[in-house]
Amino acid sequence: MTASHLTPALILRELGKMNVSDMEGVLHKLQRLSATKKGALKANEARLLETINATLPVDERAAYRRLATRRKNGTLTPAEHRELLRLSDAVETLNARRMQSVVKLAALRKTTVPELMERLGLESLASHA
């Protein structure tokens, strides 16, 4: 018999044929397996939440805002422009990773991305520079 042919009803029927001691041993192993899977799920969710909440370091966020303001004012030097491009790329990378993690977390929690974003209080992923 292969795993693809196993159903919960078939498994329970076979368990019913076991003696109590063997059944309790299987139950104990199932409880450990369940706890392990739940722990792995929680660890995976924690990693995804960490990515969702990631931002640039404080000094880079400040530099990004300062340079973006200078760009709007038309006072950006070529060196500052290169630095702004580098920081913009970093922000875009964070946002791409964040969105991937939101999608994965929504799937894990069996919900939609908009519902998850609302539950997490994520108004817009673009605002997390």
N, C-alpha and C. Protein backbone atom coordinates (compact mmCIF):
# COMPACT_ATOMS: atom_id res chain seq x y z
N MET A 1 0.86 -1.18 0.00
CA MET A 1 0.00 0.00 0.00
C MET A 1 0.90 1.24 0.00
N THR A 2 0.60 2.19 -0.87
CA THR A 2 1.39 3.41 -0.94
C THR A 2 0.69 4.52 -0.20
N ALA A 3 1.46 5.58 0.12
CA ALA A 3 0.90 6.72 0.86
C ALA A 3 -0.24 7.37 0.08
N SER A 4 -0.18 7.32 -1.25
CA SER A 4 -1.23 7.96 -2.04
C SER A 4 -2.57 7.24 -1.89
N HIS A 5 -2.54 5.98 -1.43
CA HIS A 5 -3.78 5.23 -1.25
C HIS A 5 -4.33 5.34 0.17
N LEU A 6 -3.58 5.97 1.05
CA LEU A 6 -4.02 6.09 2.43
C LEU A 6 -5.05 7.20 2.57
N THR A 7 -6.09 6.90 3.28
CA THR A 7 -7.10 7.90 3.62
C THR A 7 -7.24 7.89 5.14
N PRO A 8 -7.76 8.95 5.72
CA PRO A 8 -7.97 8.93 7.17
C PRO A 8 -8.85 7.76 7.61
N ALA A 9 -9.88 7.45 6.82
CA ALA A 9 -10.77 6.34 7.20
C ALA A 9 -10.02 5.01 7.18
N LEU A 10 -9.18 4.80 6.18
CA LEU A 10 -8.40 3.57 6.09
C LEU A 10 -7.40 3.46 7.24
N ILE A 11 -6.76 4.57 7.54
CA ILE A 11 -5.79 4.59 8.64
C ILE A 11 -6.49 4.26 9.96
N LEU A 12 -7.64 4.87 10.20
CA LEU A 12 -8.38 4.60 11.44
C LEU A 12 -8.84 3.14 11.50
N ARG A 13 -9.28 2.60 10.38
CA ARG A 13 -9.71 1.20 10.36
C ARG A 13 -8.54 0.27 10.74
N GLU A 14 -7.35 0.56 10.19
CA GLU A 14 -6.18 -0.25 10.50
C GLU A 14 -5.75 -0.06 11.94
N LEU A 15 -5.84 1.17 12.45
CA LEU A 15 -5.49 1.42 13.85
C LEU A 15 -6.42 0.65 14.78
N GLY A 16 -7.67 0.54 14.39
CA GLY A 16 -8.65 -0.19 15.20
C GLY A 16 -8.31 -1.67 15.35
N LYS A 17 -7.48 -2.20 14.48
CA LYS A 17 -7.07 -3.61 14.54
C LYS A 17 -5.90 -3.82 15.51
N MET A 18 -5.28 -2.72 15.96
CA MET A 18 -4.10 -2.83 16.83
C MET A 18 -4.52 -3.04 18.28
N ASN A 19 -3.55 -3.55 19.07
CA ASN A 19 -3.81 -3.64 20.50
C ASN A 19 -3.63 -2.23 21.09
N VAL A 20 -4.11 -2.04 22.29
CA VAL A 20 -4.12 -0.72 22.92
C VAL A 20 -2.71 -0.16 23.07
N SER A 21 -1.77 -0.98 23.45
CA SER A 21 -0.39 -0.52 23.63
C SER A 21 0.20 0.02 22.33
N ASP A 22 0.00 -0.71 21.23
CA ASP A 22 0.51 -0.25 19.93
C ASP A 22 -0.20 1.04 19.49
N MET A 23 -1.51 1.08 19.74
CA MET A 23 -2.28 2.28 19.37
C MET A 23 -1.77 3.51 20.13
N GLU A 24 -1.49 3.34 21.41
CA GLU A 24 -0.98 4.45 22.20
C GLU A 24 0.39 4.89 21.71
N GLY A 25 1.22 3.94 21.29
CA GLY A 25 2.52 4.27 20.72
C GLY A 25 2.38 5.10 19.45
N VAL A 26 1.44 4.71 18.59
CA VAL A 26 1.18 5.47 17.36
C VAL A 26 0.66 6.86 17.72
N LEU A 27 -0.25 6.93 18.68
CA LEU A 27 -0.80 8.22 19.09
C LEU A 27 0.31 9.14 19.59
N HIS A 28 1.21 8.61 20.39
CA HIS A 28 2.32 9.40 20.92
C HIS A 28 3.19 9.93 19.77
N LYS A 29 3.48 9.07 18.80
CA LYS A 29 4.28 9.49 17.64
C LYS A 29 3.55 10.54 16.81
N LEU A 30 2.23 10.39 16.66
CA LEU A 30 1.45 11.39 15.93
C LEU A 30 1.47 12.74 16.64
N GLN A 31 1.37 12.71 17.96
CA GLN A 31 1.41 13.96 18.73
C GLN A 31 2.75 14.66 18.56
N ARG A 32 3.85 13.89 18.58
CA ARG A 32 5.18 14.49 18.38
C ARG A 32 5.30 15.05 16.97
N LEU A 33 4.81 14.31 15.98
CA LEU A 33 4.86 14.77 14.60
C LEU A 33 4.06 16.06 14.43
N SER A 34 2.88 16.10 15.02
CA SER A 34 2.04 17.28 14.95
C SER A 34 2.72 18.49 15.60
N ALA A 35 3.31 18.27 16.77
CA ALA A 35 4.00 19.37 17.47
C ALA A 35 5.18 19.87 16.64
N THR A 36 5.90 18.95 16.03
CA THR A 36 7.04 19.33 15.19
C THR A 36 6.58 20.17 14.01
N LYS A 37 5.50 19.72 13.36
CA LYS A 37 4.99 20.46 12.19
C LYS A 37 4.47 21.83 12.61
N LYS A 38 3.79 21.90 13.75
CA LYS A 38 3.29 23.20 14.23
C LYS A 38 4.46 24.13 14.55
N GLY A 39 5.50 23.59 15.17
CA GLY A 39 6.68 24.39 15.49
C GLY A 39 7.36 24.89 14.24
N ALA A 40 7.47 24.04 13.23
CA ALA A 40 8.09 24.43 11.97
C ALA A 40 7.26 25.52 11.30
N LEU A 41 5.94 25.39 11.37
CA LEU A 41 5.06 26.39 10.78
C LEU A 41 5.25 27.73 11.49
N LYS A 42 5.31 27.70 12.82
CA LYS A 42 5.49 28.94 13.57
C LYS A 42 6.85 29.57 13.27
N ALA A 43 7.88 28.76 13.14
CA ALA A 43 9.21 29.29 12.82
C ALA A 43 9.20 29.89 11.42
N ASN A 44 8.53 29.24 10.50
CA ASN A 44 8.43 29.75 9.13
C ASN A 44 7.66 31.07 9.12
N GLU A 45 6.55 31.13 9.85
CA GLU A 45 5.78 32.38 9.94
C GLU A 45 6.62 33.49 10.56
N ALA A 46 7.40 33.17 11.57
CA ALA A 46 8.25 34.18 12.22
C ALA A 46 9.26 34.74 11.23
N ARG A 47 9.87 33.85 10.41
CA ARG A 47 10.83 34.33 9.40
C ARG A 47 10.14 35.22 8.38
N LEU A 48 8.95 34.83 7.96
CA LEU A 48 8.21 35.64 6.98
C LEU A 48 7.85 37.01 7.57
N LEU A 49 7.41 37.02 8.82
CA LEU A 49 7.07 38.29 9.47
C LEU A 49 8.30 39.18 9.62
N GLU A 50 9.44 38.57 9.89
CA GLU A 50 10.68 39.33 10.00
C GLU A 50 11.00 40.02 8.66
N THR A 51 10.83 39.30 7.58
CA THR A 51 11.06 39.87 6.25
C THR A 51 10.04 40.96 5.94
N ILE A 52 8.79 40.72 6.29
CA ILE A 52 7.72 41.71 6.04
C ILE A 52 8.02 43.01 6.77
N ASN A 53 8.56 42.92 7.96
CA ASN A 53 8.81 44.11 8.78
C ASN A 53 10.19 44.71 8.60
N ALA A 54 11.00 44.14 7.72
CA ALA A 54 12.37 44.63 7.52
C ALA A 54 12.36 46.02 6.88
N THR A 55 13.29 46.85 7.31
CA THR A 55 13.47 48.19 6.74
C THR A 55 14.96 48.44 6.55
N LEU A 56 15.26 49.51 5.85
CA LEU A 56 16.65 49.94 5.77
C LEU A 56 17.11 50.34 7.17
N PRO A 57 18.41 50.26 7.44
CA PRO A 57 18.91 50.78 8.72
C PRO A 57 18.56 52.27 8.85
N VAL A 58 18.48 52.74 10.08
CA VAL A 58 18.05 54.11 10.37
C VAL A 58 18.87 55.14 9.58
N ASP A 59 20.19 54.98 9.55
CA ASP A 59 21.01 55.97 8.85
C ASP A 59 20.75 55.96 7.34
N GLU A 60 20.50 54.78 6.77
CA GLU A 60 20.20 54.71 5.34
C GLU A 60 18.83 55.28 5.02
N ARG A 61 17.84 55.07 5.92
CA ARG A 61 16.51 55.65 5.72
C ARG A 61 16.61 57.17 5.72
N ALA A 62 17.38 57.71 6.65
CA ALA A 62 17.54 59.16 6.73
C ALA A 62 18.23 59.69 5.48
N ALA A 63 19.27 58.99 5.02
CA ALA A 63 19.98 59.41 3.81
C ALA A 63 19.05 59.35 2.61
N TYR A 64 18.25 58.30 2.52
CA TYR A 64 17.31 58.15 1.41
C TYR A 64 16.32 59.32 1.36
N ARG A 65 15.76 59.66 2.51
CA ARG A 65 14.80 60.78 2.57
C ARG A 65 15.47 62.11 2.23
N ARG A 66 16.68 62.32 2.77
CA ARG A 66 17.40 63.56 2.50
C ARG A 66 17.71 63.69 1.01
N LEU A 67 18.20 62.61 0.42
CA LEU A 67 18.55 62.65 -1.00
C LEU A 67 17.31 62.77 -1.88
N ALA A 68 16.22 62.13 -1.50
CA ALA A 68 14.98 62.26 -2.27
C ALA A 68 14.49 63.70 -2.25
N THR A 69 14.63 64.36 -1.10
CA THR A 69 14.24 65.77 -1.00
C THR A 69 15.14 66.64 -1.87
N ARG A 70 16.44 66.37 -1.84
CA ARG A 70 17.38 67.13 -2.68
C ARG A 70 17.08 66.92 -4.17
N ARG A 71 16.69 65.70 -4.52
CA ARG A 71 16.33 65.44 -5.91
C ARG A 71 15.11 66.26 -6.31
N LYS A 72 14.11 66.32 -5.45
CA LYS A 72 12.90 67.11 -5.73
C LYS A 72 13.24 68.58 -5.88
N ASN A 73 14.20 69.04 -5.08
CA ASN A 73 14.61 70.45 -5.13
C ASN A 73 15.56 70.75 -6.27
N GLY A 74 16.04 69.70 -6.96
CA GLY A 74 16.97 69.89 -8.06
C GLY A 74 18.38 70.22 -7.62
N THR A 75 18.75 69.86 -6.40
CA THR A 75 20.09 70.20 -5.89
C THR A 75 20.97 68.97 -5.67
N LEU A 76 20.65 67.89 -6.33
CA LEU A 76 21.38 66.63 -6.16
C LEU A 76 22.66 66.63 -7.00
N THR A 77 23.77 66.29 -6.37
CA THR A 77 25.04 66.18 -7.10
C THR A 77 25.10 64.81 -7.78
N PRO A 78 25.99 64.61 -8.75
CA PRO A 78 26.12 63.30 -9.39
C PRO A 78 26.43 62.18 -8.38
N ALA A 79 27.29 62.44 -7.41
CA ALA A 79 27.61 61.43 -6.39
C ALA A 79 26.37 61.12 -5.55
N GLU A 80 25.62 62.14 -5.18
CA GLU A 80 24.40 61.93 -4.41
C GLU A 80 23.37 61.15 -5.23
N HIS A 81 23.33 61.44 -6.52
CA HIS A 81 22.40 60.73 -7.40
C HIS A 81 22.72 59.23 -7.42
N ARG A 82 24.00 58.89 -7.51
CA ARG A 82 24.41 57.49 -7.48
C ARG A 82 24.02 56.83 -6.15
N GLU A 83 24.22 57.57 -5.06
CA GLU A 83 23.86 57.04 -3.74
C GLU A 83 22.35 56.86 -3.64
N LEU A 84 21.59 57.80 -4.17
CA LEU A 84 20.13 57.67 -4.14
C LEU A 84 19.69 56.46 -4.96
N LEU A 85 20.32 56.22 -6.09
CA LEU A 85 20.00 55.05 -6.91
C LEU A 85 20.31 53.76 -6.15
N ARG A 86 21.44 53.74 -5.47
CA ARG A 86 21.80 52.56 -4.68
C ARG A 86 20.77 52.30 -3.58
N LEU A 87 20.40 53.36 -2.88
CA LEU A 87 19.41 53.22 -1.81
C LEU A 87 18.03 52.84 -2.37
N SER A 88 17.68 53.40 -3.52
CA SER A 88 16.40 53.06 -4.16
C SER A 88 16.37 51.58 -4.52
N ASP A 89 17.49 51.07 -5.03
CA ASP A 89 17.57 49.64 -5.34
C ASP A 89 17.39 48.80 -4.07
N ALA A 90 17.98 49.24 -2.98
CA ALA A 90 17.84 48.51 -1.71
C ALA A 90 16.38 48.52 -1.24
N VAL A 91 15.71 49.66 -1.39
CA VAL A 91 14.30 49.76 -1.01
C VAL A 91 13.46 48.84 -1.88
N GLU A 92 13.72 48.83 -3.17
CA GLU A 92 12.97 47.97 -4.09
C GLU A 92 13.18 46.49 -3.76
N THR A 93 14.40 46.13 -3.42
CA THR A 93 14.69 44.74 -3.04
C THR A 93 13.92 44.37 -1.77
N LEU A 94 13.93 45.26 -0.79
CA LEU A 94 13.16 45.00 0.44
C LEU A 94 11.68 44.84 0.12
N ASN A 95 11.15 45.72 -0.72
CA ASN A 95 9.73 45.66 -1.06
C ASN A 95 9.38 44.38 -1.81
N ALA A 96 10.25 43.94 -2.71
CA ALA A 96 9.99 42.70 -3.44
C ALA A 96 9.99 41.51 -2.47
N ARG A 97 10.97 41.46 -1.59
CA ARG A 97 11.03 40.38 -0.59
C ARG A 97 9.82 40.43 0.33
N ARG A 98 9.44 41.65 0.71
CA ARG A 98 8.29 41.84 1.60
C ARG A 98 7.03 41.28 0.93
N MET A 99 6.82 41.62 -0.34
CA MET A 99 5.61 41.17 -1.02
C MET A 99 5.61 39.65 -1.18
N GLN A 100 6.76 39.08 -1.50
CA GLN A 100 6.85 37.62 -1.59
C GLN A 100 6.48 36.98 -0.26
N SER A 101 6.95 37.56 0.82
CA SER A 101 6.68 37.02 2.15
C SER A 101 5.21 37.18 2.52
N VAL A 102 4.61 38.30 2.13
CA VAL A 102 3.18 38.50 2.40
C VAL A 102 2.36 37.43 1.67
N VAL A 103 2.70 37.16 0.43
CA VAL A 103 1.99 36.15 -0.35
C VAL A 103 2.15 34.77 0.29
N LYS A 104 3.37 34.43 0.70
CA LYS A 104 3.62 33.12 1.34
C LYS A 104 2.88 33.01 2.66
N LEU A 105 2.91 34.08 3.45
CA LEU A 105 2.23 34.05 4.75
C LEU A 105 0.72 33.95 4.58
N ALA A 106 0.18 34.65 3.61
CA ALA A 106 -1.26 34.56 3.34
C ALA A 106 -1.63 33.11 2.97
N ALA A 107 -0.79 32.47 2.17
CA ALA A 107 -1.06 31.08 1.81
C ALA A 107 -0.99 30.17 3.03
N LEU A 108 0.02 30.38 3.89
CA LEU A 108 0.14 29.56 5.10
C LEU A 108 -1.08 29.72 6.01
N ARG A 109 -1.56 30.94 6.08
CA ARG A 109 -2.71 31.23 6.96
C ARG A 109 -4.04 31.03 6.26
N LYS A 110 -3.98 30.58 5.01
CA LYS A 110 -5.19 30.31 4.23
C LYS A 110 -6.11 31.53 4.18
N THR A 111 -5.54 32.66 3.79
CA THR A 111 -6.29 33.89 3.67
C THR A 111 -5.82 34.61 2.41
N THR A 112 -6.45 35.73 2.12
CA THR A 112 -6.04 36.51 0.95
C THR A 112 -4.99 37.54 1.37
N VAL A 113 -4.26 38.02 0.38
CA VAL A 113 -3.24 39.03 0.65
C VAL A 113 -3.88 40.30 1.24
N PRO A 114 -4.96 40.84 0.65
CA PRO A 114 -5.56 42.05 1.26
C PRO A 114 -6.03 41.82 2.70
N GLU A 115 -6.61 40.65 2.99
CA GLU A 115 -7.06 40.37 4.36
C GLU A 115 -5.88 40.30 5.31
N LEU A 116 -4.81 39.65 4.88
CA LEU A 116 -3.62 39.55 5.72
C LEU A 116 -3.01 40.92 5.96
N MET A 117 -2.91 41.72 4.91
CA MET A 117 -2.35 43.06 5.06
C MET A 117 -3.17 43.89 6.04
N GLU A 118 -4.49 43.74 5.97
CA GLU A 118 -5.35 44.48 6.92
C GLU A 118 -5.11 44.00 8.35
N ARG A 119 -5.04 42.66 8.54
CA ARG A 119 -4.80 42.11 9.88
C ARG A 119 -3.46 42.54 10.45
N LEU A 120 -2.45 42.65 9.57
CA LEU A 120 -1.10 43.04 10.02
C LEU A 120 -0.93 44.55 10.09
N GLY A 121 -1.93 45.29 9.65
CA GLY A 121 -1.84 46.74 9.67
C GLY A 121 -0.88 47.28 8.61
N LEU A 122 -0.78 46.58 7.48
CA LEU A 122 0.08 47.03 6.40
C LEU A 122 -0.76 47.82 5.41
N GLU A 123 -0.68 49.13 5.52
CA GLU A 123 -1.45 49.98 4.60
C GLU A 123 -0.90 49.87 3.19
N SER A 124 0.39 50.02 3.08
CA SER A 124 1.02 49.97 1.77
C SER A 124 2.44 49.45 1.95
N LEU A 125 2.81 48.53 1.10
CA LEU A 125 4.18 48.01 1.20
C LEU A 125 5.19 49.05 0.74
N ALA A 126 4.78 49.96 -0.09
CA ALA A 126 5.71 50.97 -0.60
C ALA A 126 6.16 51.96 0.46
N SER A 127 5.42 52.06 1.55
CA SER A 127 5.75 53.06 2.57
C SER A 127 6.79 52.56 3.57
N HIS A 128 7.34 51.37 3.37
CA HIS A 128 8.31 50.80 4.32
C HIS A 128 9.74 50.96 3.84
N ALA A 129 10.17 52.15 3.55
CA ALA A 129 11.54 52.37 3.05
C ALA A 129 12.59 52.03 4.05
